[in-house]
Amino acid sequence: MKSYLVWIFGLMCSVNVALSQSRDTLRLNIDEAEQQFVKNNLTLLAQKYNIEASKAAIIQAKLLPNPNINYEQGLNTMKTIANDAPIGAFGERTLQIQQLILLAGKRNKQVNVAKINAEITDYQFFEIARGLTYQLHASFYTIHYLQKTLATYEQEIETLNKLLSAYSDQVNRGNVPQKELIRLQSFLVSLETERSNIILEITDNQAILKVLLSDTSTKTVHPVVDDNALEQKSAAGLQLSELINNATDNRYDRKIQEASVRLASADLALQKAMATPDLTIGYSYDRAGSYLNNYHGLTIAMDLPVFNKNQGNIKIAENTIQANKQNLAQTDVQINNDVLQALLKAQEAERLYKTLDKNYLPSFNKLIDGVVQNYQKRNITLLEFMDFLESYKITVTQINTLQNTRMQTFENLNFVVGKKVL
């Protein structure tokens, strides 16, 4: 009965520990991380408000100028006679109503400029999302492979701690030389230091990931990765020309540059229209201040384009068009080189990854027990034992680094193409 109660107590403790760990860890796969990112990222939410603001600018550009009204009431309380007609106290009053009429299609041209600006703001949203998504994926996979490396360090540290605990008693009994214990302790300190550096790197990437997800909780993000699915990815069949065409069609930084050329052209058309003066028409009424009482008149006003024909702004717009065309050409050159370099890096990472024998690295647990037993039985020396631990650690680190590099080059290729190709 006592052993049964102990077993139940142990099971309850295990469940509590598991629940505690699940509460402190946010487990996400890459698709779930993207969904949370799109939903919660504050930078994207702020940019959405900019999009709405740019749409409001279109509404504003469509509005007609307000009419202007002017009313004047005389304050003279004396009885007056105007044009031989009795008017009475407070006799003089005037009224004017004027309306500005935009000529040369200025209003439509202003609307066109506002629409292109809204289009650019929309492209900026997707360009920001492209960059932040790349950061999300990069940190996600970096954390995943660092955690795999960290697990190996923790296994080796656990093994050394158990060995040191057993050897401390043997040293006191004189069965094991003191220098072996010191060497093992020194190696343990080295592993702990390297483990700490890995944890710091994971922490840095965790911070990036949590900011992108707008996660303010104390939970750590644990990437859930299907390594078999990643294994199926390959850059071997990708064609450079097709990738460049995709990048040209999908890169939003290029769309922004292309829209900037159209914006400058629309602004040039507007500036040329601004050289045409606008027309102001109105109605004027004067009760007693004109050559006859109750005077009614039509008013028409327009500036004479003698000095200011908007020459400077027209010249600015013309030069802006040429500058934006050059920026667009530079963007095309940059895209071509970005895609070329990203493809070469992905193919090299793929080639190096394929040279890796997937069965080369057996499980640590399958090896370590035998190695420890052989060391304890003095079938292998301390140096051979430490060399195994060091070699295994380096191999695991290199393999995880290689896998991470492969995924980083794939994500970089997706980024420079502007769509998911791997």
Protein backbone atom coordinates (compact mmCIF):
# COMPACT_ATOMS: atom_id res chain seq x y z
CA MET A 1 0.00 0.00 0.00
CA LYS A 2 2.81 2.38 0.90
CA SER A 3 4.58 1.79 -2.41
CA TYR A 4 1.28 2.37 -4.23
CA LEU A 5 0.83 5.76 -2.51
CA VAL A 6 4.39 6.72 -3.37
CA TRP A 7 3.72 5.83 -7.00
CA ILE A 8 0.54 7.96 -7.03
CA PHE A 9 2.37 10.89 -5.44
CA GLY A 10 5.15 10.65 -8.01
CA LEU A 11 2.64 10.57 -10.85
CA MET A 12 0.88 13.68 -9.52
CA CYS A 13 4.18 15.53 -9.23
CA SER A 14 5.03 14.60 -12.82
CA VAL A 15 1.67 15.87 -14.04
CA ASN A 16 2.08 19.14 -12.13
CA VAL A 17 5.54 19.67 -13.58
CA ALA A 18 4.25 18.97 -17.12
CA LEU A 19 1.34 21.39 -16.64
CA SER A 20 3.68 24.04 -15.26
CA GLN A 21 5.99 23.71 -18.24
CA SER A 22 3.08 23.90 -20.69
CA ARG A 23 1.86 27.09 -18.99
CA ASP A 24 5.31 28.66 -19.26
CA THR A 25 5.80 27.70 -22.91
CA LEU A 26 3.99 28.91 -26.02
CA ARG A 27 4.19 26.14 -28.60
CA LEU A 28 3.69 27.36 -32.17
CA ASN A 29 4.35 26.00 -35.61
CA ILE A 30 5.38 28.40 -38.36
CA ASP A 31 1.84 28.81 -39.72
CA GLU A 32 0.42 29.60 -36.27
CA ALA A 33 3.24 32.06 -35.67
CA GLU A 34 2.45 33.82 -38.96
CA GLN A 35 -1.25 34.02 -38.10
CA GLN A 36 -0.52 35.57 -34.70
CA PHE A 37 2.01 37.91 -36.32
CA VAL A 38 -0.46 39.21 -38.93
CA LYS A 39 -3.18 39.59 -36.30
CA ASN A 40 -1.20 41.22 -33.50
CA ASN A 41 1.93 42.90 -34.87
CA LEU A 42 1.76 46.55 -33.84
CA THR A 43 3.88 47.81 -36.74
CA LEU A 44 1.45 46.30 -39.24
CA LEU A 45 -1.53 47.63 -37.29
CA ALA A 46 -0.02 51.13 -37.36
CA GLN A 47 0.57 50.87 -41.11
CA LYS A 48 -3.07 49.87 -41.61
CA TYR A 49 -4.06 53.21 -40.08
CA ASN A 50 -1.73 54.92 -42.56
CA ILE A 51 -3.59 53.12 -45.35
CA GLU A 52 -6.91 54.42 -44.03
CA ALA A 53 -5.42 57.92 -43.78
CA SER A 54 -4.29 57.78 -47.42
CA LYS A 55 -7.79 56.69 -48.46
CA ALA A 56 -9.21 59.66 -46.56
CA ALA A 57 -6.90 61.90 -48.60
CA ILE A 58 -8.73 60.70 -51.75
CA ILE A 59 -12.03 61.76 -50.19
CA GLN A 60 -10.56 65.16 -49.37
CA ALA A 61 -9.21 65.64 -52.91
CA LYS A 62 -12.68 65.03 -54.36
CA LEU A 63 -14.32 67.79 -52.30
CA LEU A 64 -15.30 71.07 -53.97
CA PRO A 65 -14.09 74.37 -52.53
CA ASN A 66 -16.58 75.93 -50.13
CA PRO A 67 -18.49 79.02 -51.28
CA ASN A 68 -17.63 82.30 -49.59
CA ILE A 69 -20.30 84.63 -48.24
CA ASN A 70 -19.87 88.21 -47.02
CA TYR A 71 -22.58 90.31 -45.40
CA GLU A 72 -22.28 93.91 -44.28
CA GLN A 73 -24.87 95.82 -42.22
CA GLY A 74 -24.58 99.54 -41.69
CA LEU A 75 -24.67 100.70 -38.05
CA ASN A 76 -25.63 104.30 -38.72
CA THR A 77 -28.89 104.92 -36.78
CA MET A 78 -29.69 108.19 -38.56
CA LYS A 79 -32.52 108.23 -41.03
CA THR A 80 -30.99 108.32 -44.48
CA ILE A 81 -32.10 109.07 -47.97
CA ALA A 82 -30.31 107.41 -50.87
CA ASN A 83 -30.98 108.29 -54.50
CA ASP A 84 -33.90 110.48 -53.40
CA ALA A 85 -35.54 107.55 -51.67
CA PRO A 86 -36.05 107.31 -47.89
CA ILE A 87 -34.13 104.38 -46.49
CA GLY A 88 -34.47 104.76 -42.77
CA ALA A 89 -32.19 103.86 -39.92
CA PHE A 90 -29.61 101.10 -40.50
CA GLY A 91 -30.32 101.50 -44.17
CA GLU A 92 -27.09 100.30 -45.78
CA ARG A 93 -26.43 96.59 -46.19
CA THR A 94 -24.45 94.54 -48.69
CA LEU A 95 -24.24 90.85 -49.52
CA GLN A 96 -21.67 88.92 -51.57
CA ILE A 97 -21.53 85.21 -52.41
CA GLN A 98 -18.54 83.80 -54.28
CA GLN A 99 -17.56 80.37 -55.53
CA LEU A 100 -14.06 79.28 -56.60
CA ILE A 101 -14.06 77.12 -59.74
CA LEU A 102 -10.94 75.04 -60.39
CA LEU A 103 -9.95 75.07 -64.04
CA ALA A 104 -7.72 72.85 -66.20
CA GLY A 105 -8.95 69.69 -64.46
CA LYS A 106 -7.06 70.45 -61.23
CA ARG A 107 -9.56 68.58 -59.06
CA ASN A 108 -9.37 65.36 -61.06
CA LYS A 109 -5.59 65.59 -61.15
CA GLN A 110 -5.47 66.06 -57.38
CA VAL A 111 -7.67 62.99 -56.97
CA ASN A 112 -5.30 61.00 -59.23
CA VAL A 113 -2.29 62.05 -57.12
CA ALA A 114 -4.12 61.04 -53.93
CA LYS A 115 -5.04 57.64 -55.41
CA ILE A 116 -1.44 56.87 -56.35
CA ASN A 117 -0.27 57.94 -52.88
CA ALA A 118 -2.83 55.55 -51.38
CA GLU A 119 -1.54 52.81 -53.67
CA ILE A 120 2.02 53.45 -52.49
CA THR A 121 0.90 53.34 -48.85
CA ASP A 122 -0.73 49.99 -49.55
CA TYR A 123 2.49 48.68 -51.10
CA GLN A 124 4.45 49.96 -48.10
CA PHE A 125 2.28 47.82 -45.82
CA PHE A 126 3.12 44.67 -47.77
CA GLU A 127 6.79 45.62 -48.00
CA ILE A 128 6.95 46.03 -44.21
CA ALA A 129 5.13 42.71 -43.82
CA ARG A 130 7.64 41.05 -46.17
CA GLY A 131 10.61 42.22 -44.11
CA LEU A 132 9.04 41.38 -40.75
CA THR A 133 7.92 37.96 -41.96
CA TYR A 134 11.49 37.20 -42.96
CA GLN A 135 12.66 38.19 -39.46
CA LEU A 136 9.93 36.00 -37.96
CA HIS A 137 11.00 32.94 -39.96
CA ALA A 138 14.71 33.57 -39.37
CA SER A 139 14.32 33.80 -35.59
CA PHE A 140 11.85 30.89 -35.53
CA TYR A 141 14.25 28.43 -37.17
CA THR A 142 17.29 29.81 -35.34
CA ILE A 143 15.58 29.12 -32.01
CA HIS A 144 14.59 25.64 -33.16
CA TYR A 145 18.11 24.53 -34.09
CA LEU A 146 19.71 26.27 -31.11
CA GLN A 147 17.32 24.41 -28.83
CA LYS A 148 18.35 21.14 -30.45
CA THR A 149 22.00 22.00 -29.84
CA LEU A 150 21.18 23.07 -26.29
CA ALA A 151 19.57 19.69 -25.62
CA THR A 152 22.88 17.96 -26.44
CA TYR A 153 24.78 20.27 -24.10
CA GLU A 154 22.31 19.57 -21.33
CA GLN A 155 22.64 15.81 -21.87
CA GLU A 156 26.42 16.01 -21.65
CA ILE A 157 26.28 18.28 -18.61
CA GLU A 158 23.85 15.89 -16.90
CA THR A 159 26.16 12.96 -17.65
CA LEU A 160 29.19 14.79 -16.27
CA ASN A 161 27.34 15.85 -13.14
CA LYS A 162 26.38 12.25 -12.43
CA LEU A 163 29.92 11.11 -13.11
CA LEU A 164 31.44 13.82 -10.91
CA SER A 165 29.03 12.97 -8.10
CA ALA A 166 30.14 9.34 -8.22
CA TYR A 167 33.84 10.18 -8.65
CA SER A 168 33.97 12.61 -5.73
CA ASP A 169 33.45 9.72 -3.35
CA GLN A 170 35.97 7.58 -5.23
CA VAL A 171 38.58 10.35 -5.02
CA ASN A 172 38.08 10.56 -1.27
CA ARG A 173 38.68 6.82 -1.08
CA GLY A 174 41.78 7.09 -3.24
CA ASN A 175 40.35 4.95 -6.04
CA VAL A 176 40.41 7.76 -8.66
CA PRO A 177 43.22 10.31 -9.14
CA GLN A 178 42.40 13.88 -8.08
CA LYS A 179 43.63 15.20 -11.43
CA GLU A 180 40.93 13.27 -13.32
CA LEU A 181 38.24 14.86 -11.19
CA ILE A 182 39.74 18.31 -11.81
CA ARG A 183 39.87 17.67 -15.59
CA LEU A 184 36.24 16.60 -15.59
CA GLN A 185 35.25 19.65 -13.53
CA SER A 186 37.15 21.91 -15.93
CA PHE A 187 35.41 20.34 -18.91
CA LEU A 188 32.06 20.77 -17.16
CA VAL A 189 32.75 24.48 -16.62
CA SER A 190 33.59 24.81 -20.32
CA LEU A 191 30.32 23.12 -21.29
CA GLU A 192 28.34 25.30 -18.89
CA THR A 193 29.89 28.45 -20.38
CA GLU A 194 29.08 27.38 -23.93
CA ARG A 195 25.60 26.37 -22.85
CA SER A 196 25.10 29.82 -21.33
CA ASN A 197 26.13 31.47 -24.60
CA ILE A 198 23.60 29.36 -26.49
CA ILE A 199 20.88 30.33 -24.01
CA LEU A 200 21.77 34.01 -24.46
CA GLU A 201 21.50 33.64 -28.24
CA ILE A 202 18.16 31.88 -27.87
CA THR A 203 17.01 34.67 -25.54
CA ASP A 204 17.92 37.33 -28.10
CA ASN A 205 15.93 35.55 -30.80
CA GLN A 206 13.09 34.95 -28.37
CA ALA A 207 12.92 38.70 -27.79
CA ILE A 208 12.74 39.36 -31.54
CA LEU A 209 10.06 36.73 -31.99
CA LYS A 210 7.91 37.93 -29.09
CA VAL A 211 8.09 41.53 -30.30
CA LEU A 212 6.99 40.43 -33.77
CA LEU A 213 4.12 38.45 -32.22
CA SER A 214 3.32 41.33 -29.80
CA ASP A 215 3.42 38.78 -26.99
CA THR A 216 3.80 40.49 -23.61
CA SER A 217 3.50 37.31 -21.53
CA THR A 218 6.40 35.68 -19.70
CA LYS A 219 6.04 32.52 -21.77
CA THR A 220 8.91 31.40 -23.96
CA VAL A 221 8.13 30.50 -27.56
CA HIS A 222 8.87 26.89 -28.43
CA PRO A 223 8.95 26.38 -32.22
CA VAL A 224 7.16 23.23 -33.33
CA VAL A 225 8.92 22.08 -36.49
CA ASP A 226 8.26 19.11 -38.74
CA ASP A 227 11.83 18.18 -39.61
CA ASN A 228 10.62 15.60 -42.14
CA ALA A 229 8.73 18.31 -44.05
CA LEU A 230 11.81 20.53 -44.05
CA GLU A 231 13.81 17.59 -45.35
CA GLN A 232 11.66 17.53 -48.49
CA LYS A 233 12.49 21.13 -49.43
CA SER A 234 15.01 21.48 -52.23
CA ALA A 235 16.50 24.35 -54.24
CA ALA A 236 17.72 22.02 -56.98
CA GLY A 237 14.89 22.59 -59.48
CA LEU A 238 14.68 26.37 -59.24
CA GLN A 239 15.37 28.42 -62.39
CA LEU A 240 17.03 31.84 -62.11
CA SER A 241 15.00 33.46 -64.91
CA GLU A 242 11.71 32.32 -63.40
CA LEU A 243 12.72 33.56 -59.95
CA ILE A 244 13.70 36.97 -61.35
CA ASN A 245 10.36 37.25 -63.16
CA ASN A 246 8.55 36.34 -59.95
CA ALA A 247 10.56 38.91 -58.01
CA THR A 248 9.81 41.59 -60.60
CA ASP A 249 6.09 40.85 -60.29
CA ASN A 250 5.94 40.36 -56.52
CA ARG A 251 8.53 42.61 -54.86
CA TYR A 252 6.66 45.49 -53.26
CA ASP A 253 9.73 47.71 -53.09
CA ARG A 254 9.72 47.60 -56.90
CA LYS A 255 5.99 48.29 -56.99
CA ILE A 256 6.64 51.34 -54.81
CA GLN A 257 9.32 52.61 -57.20
CA GLU A 258 7.10 51.98 -60.23
CA ALA A 259 4.20 53.80 -58.56
CA SER A 260 6.56 56.65 -57.66
CA VAL A 261 7.25 57.18 -61.36
CA ARG A 262 3.50 57.35 -62.02
CA LEU A 263 3.08 59.66 -59.03
CA ALA A 264 5.70 62.06 -60.37
CA SER A 265 3.99 62.04 -63.79
CA ALA A 266 0.62 62.74 -62.16
CA ASP A 267 2.20 65.54 -60.14
CA LEU A 268 3.68 67.03 -63.32
CA ALA A 269 0.22 67.08 -64.91
CA LEU A 270 -1.13 68.77 -61.77
CA GLN A 271 1.65 71.37 -61.69
CA LYS A 272 1.04 72.24 -65.34
CA ALA A 273 -2.65 72.64 -64.55
CA MET A 274 -1.75 74.90 -61.62
CA ALA A 275 -0.27 77.33 -64.14
CA THR A 276 -3.84 78.04 -65.26
CA PRO A 277 -5.50 80.56 -62.90
CA ASP A 278 -8.73 79.54 -61.24
CA LEU A 279 -12.00 81.37 -61.76
CA THR A 280 -14.06 82.98 -59.02
CA ILE A 281 -17.67 83.87 -59.80
CA GLY A 282 -20.25 85.37 -57.49
CA TYR A 283 -23.29 87.44 -56.81
CA SER A 284 -23.26 90.93 -55.21
CA TYR A 285 -26.14 92.87 -53.65
CA ASP A 286 -25.98 96.47 -52.36
CA ARG A 287 -29.08 98.03 -50.87
CA ALA A 288 -28.12 101.69 -50.83
CA GLY A 289 -24.45 102.15 -51.63
CA SER A 290 -24.49 102.16 -55.40
CA TYR A 291 -25.77 104.48 -58.10
CA LEU A 292 -29.22 102.96 -57.49
CA ASN A 293 -30.88 101.33 -54.60
CA ASN A 294 -31.09 97.52 -54.35
CA TYR A 295 -28.17 96.98 -56.70
CA HIS A 296 -27.65 93.39 -58.01
CA GLY A 297 -24.40 92.40 -59.73
CA LEU A 298 -22.43 89.47 -61.10
CA THR A 299 -18.76 89.18 -60.06
CA ILE A 300 -16.01 87.36 -61.97
CA ALA A 301 -12.37 87.25 -60.80
CA MET A 302 -9.22 85.58 -62.11
CA ASP A 303 -5.49 86.07 -61.58
CA LEU A 304 -3.53 87.15 -64.61
CA PRO A 305 -0.71 84.63 -65.33
CA VAL A 306 1.90 87.29 -65.98
CA PHE A 307 4.70 86.58 -63.51
CA ASN A 308 3.91 83.26 -61.78
CA LYS A 309 3.21 80.46 -64.24
CA ASN A 310 4.30 77.76 -61.76
CA GLN A 311 7.54 77.32 -63.72
CA GLY A 312 9.59 76.18 -60.72
CA ASN A 313 7.19 73.45 -59.56
CA ILE A 314 6.83 72.17 -63.13
CA LYS A 315 10.61 71.89 -63.42
CA ILE A 316 10.79 70.10 -60.05
CA ALA A 317 8.15 67.58 -61.20
CA GLU A 318 9.99 66.94 -64.48
CA ASN A 319 13.24 66.21 -62.67
CA THR A 320 11.48 64.07 -60.09
CA ILE A 321 10.17 61.84 -62.90
CA GLN A 322 13.69 61.27 -64.22
CA ALA A 323 15.05 60.62 -60.73
CA ASN A 324 12.31 58.07 -59.99
CA LYS A 325 12.92 56.32 -63.30
CA GLN A 326 16.58 55.92 -62.36
CA ASN A 327 15.58 54.60 -58.92
CA LEU A 328 13.29 52.06 -60.62
CA ALA A 329 16.12 50.93 -62.88
CA GLN A 330 18.42 50.61 -59.87
CA THR A 331 15.78 48.54 -58.08
CA ASP A 332 15.63 46.17 -61.06
CA VAL A 333 19.41 45.76 -60.97
CA GLN A 334 19.28 45.15 -57.22
CA ILE A 335 16.51 42.57 -57.60
CA ASN A 336 18.44 40.64 -60.25
CA ASN A 337 21.55 40.49 -58.09
CA ASP A 338 19.59 39.72 -54.90
CA VAL A 339 17.89 36.75 -56.55
CA LEU A 340 21.13 35.48 -58.10
CA GLN A 341 23.05 35.63 -54.82
CA ALA A 342 20.18 34.13 -52.80
CA LEU A 343 19.82 31.24 -55.26
CA LEU A 344 23.55 30.50 -55.24
CA LYS A 345 23.62 30.51 -51.45
CA ALA A 346 20.56 28.25 -51.24
CA GLN A 347 22.04 25.81 -53.76
CA GLU A 348 25.38 25.72 -51.93
CA ALA A 349 23.66 25.12 -48.59
CA GLU A 350 21.59 22.40 -50.26
CA ARG A 351 24.71 20.78 -51.74
CA LEU A 352 26.51 20.81 -48.42
CA TYR A 353 23.44 19.47 -46.63
CA LYS A 354 23.15 16.56 -49.06
CA THR A 355 26.71 15.49 -48.26
CA LEU A 356 25.57 14.83 -44.70
CA ASP A 357 24.94 11.20 -43.87
CA LYS A 358 21.61 11.25 -42.02
CA ASN A 359 22.57 8.07 -40.16
CA TYR A 360 26.02 9.36 -39.22
CA LEU A 361 24.98 10.73 -35.86
CA PRO A 362 23.33 8.09 -33.68
CA SER A 363 21.40 8.98 -30.58
CA PHE A 364 23.45 10.34 -27.72
CA ASN A 365 21.63 8.08 -25.29
CA LYS A 366 22.60 5.01 -27.29
CA LEU A 367 26.28 5.90 -27.11
CA ILE A 368 26.86 7.69 -23.86
CA ASP A 369 25.96 4.81 -21.56
CA GLY A 370 28.45 2.53 -23.25
CA VAL A 371 31.15 5.20 -23.29
CA VAL A 372 30.66 6.00 -19.60
CA GLN A 373 30.75 2.32 -18.68
CA ASN A 374 33.94 1.79 -20.68
CA TYR A 375 35.51 4.80 -18.99
CA GLN A 376 34.50 3.62 -15.54
CA LYS A 377 35.90 0.18 -16.33
CA ARG A 378 39.11 1.87 -17.54
CA ASN A 379 38.69 0.43 -21.02
CA ILE A 380 39.19 3.97 -22.35
CA THR A 381 41.24 6.80 -20.90
CA LEU A 382 40.01 10.12 -19.58
CA LEU A 383 41.30 11.84 -22.71
CA GLU A 384 39.42 9.38 -24.93
CA PHE A 385 36.26 9.90 -22.89
CA MET A 386 36.51 13.69 -23.04
CA ASP A 387 37.42 13.52 -26.73
CA PHE A 388 34.20 11.60 -27.39
CA LEU A 389 32.09 14.19 -25.56
CA GLU A 390 33.86 17.06 -27.32
CA SER A 391 33.61 15.42 -30.76
CA TYR A 392 29.96 14.57 -30.29
CA LYS A 393 29.16 18.11 -29.12
CA ILE A 394 31.01 19.69 -32.05
CA THR A 395 29.35 17.34 -34.55
CA VAL A 396 25.86 18.02 -33.24
CA THR A 397 26.51 21.77 -33.23
CA GLN A 398 27.83 21.70 -36.79
CA ILE A 399 24.93 19.61 -38.06
CA ASN A 400 22.34 21.89 -36.43
CA THR A 401 24.20 24.96 -37.71
CA LEU A 402 24.25 23.46 -41.20
CA GLN A 403 20.51 22.73 -41.06
CA ASN A 404 19.81 26.23 -39.77
CA THR A 405 21.98 27.79 -42.48
CA ARG A 406 20.09 25.78 -45.09
CA MET A 407 16.73 27.05 -43.81
CA GLN A 408 18.03 30.60 -43.50
CA THR A 409 19.14 30.59 -47.16
CA PHE A 410 15.74 29.20 -48.18
CA GLU A 411 13.94 31.92 -46.23
CA ASN A 412 16.25 34.54 -47.72
CA LEU A 413 15.37 33.29 -51.20
CA ASN A 414 11.67 33.59 -50.37
CA PHE A 415 12.34 37.10 -49.12
CA VAL A 416 14.19 38.37 -52.20
CA VAL A 417 11.69 36.77 -54.59
CA GLY A 418 8.77 38.27 -52.69
CA LYS A 419 6.81 35.03 -52.48
CA LYS A 420 7.22 31.55 -51.03
CA VAL A 421 9.20 29.40 -53.47
CA LEU A 422 10.62 26.99 -50.86
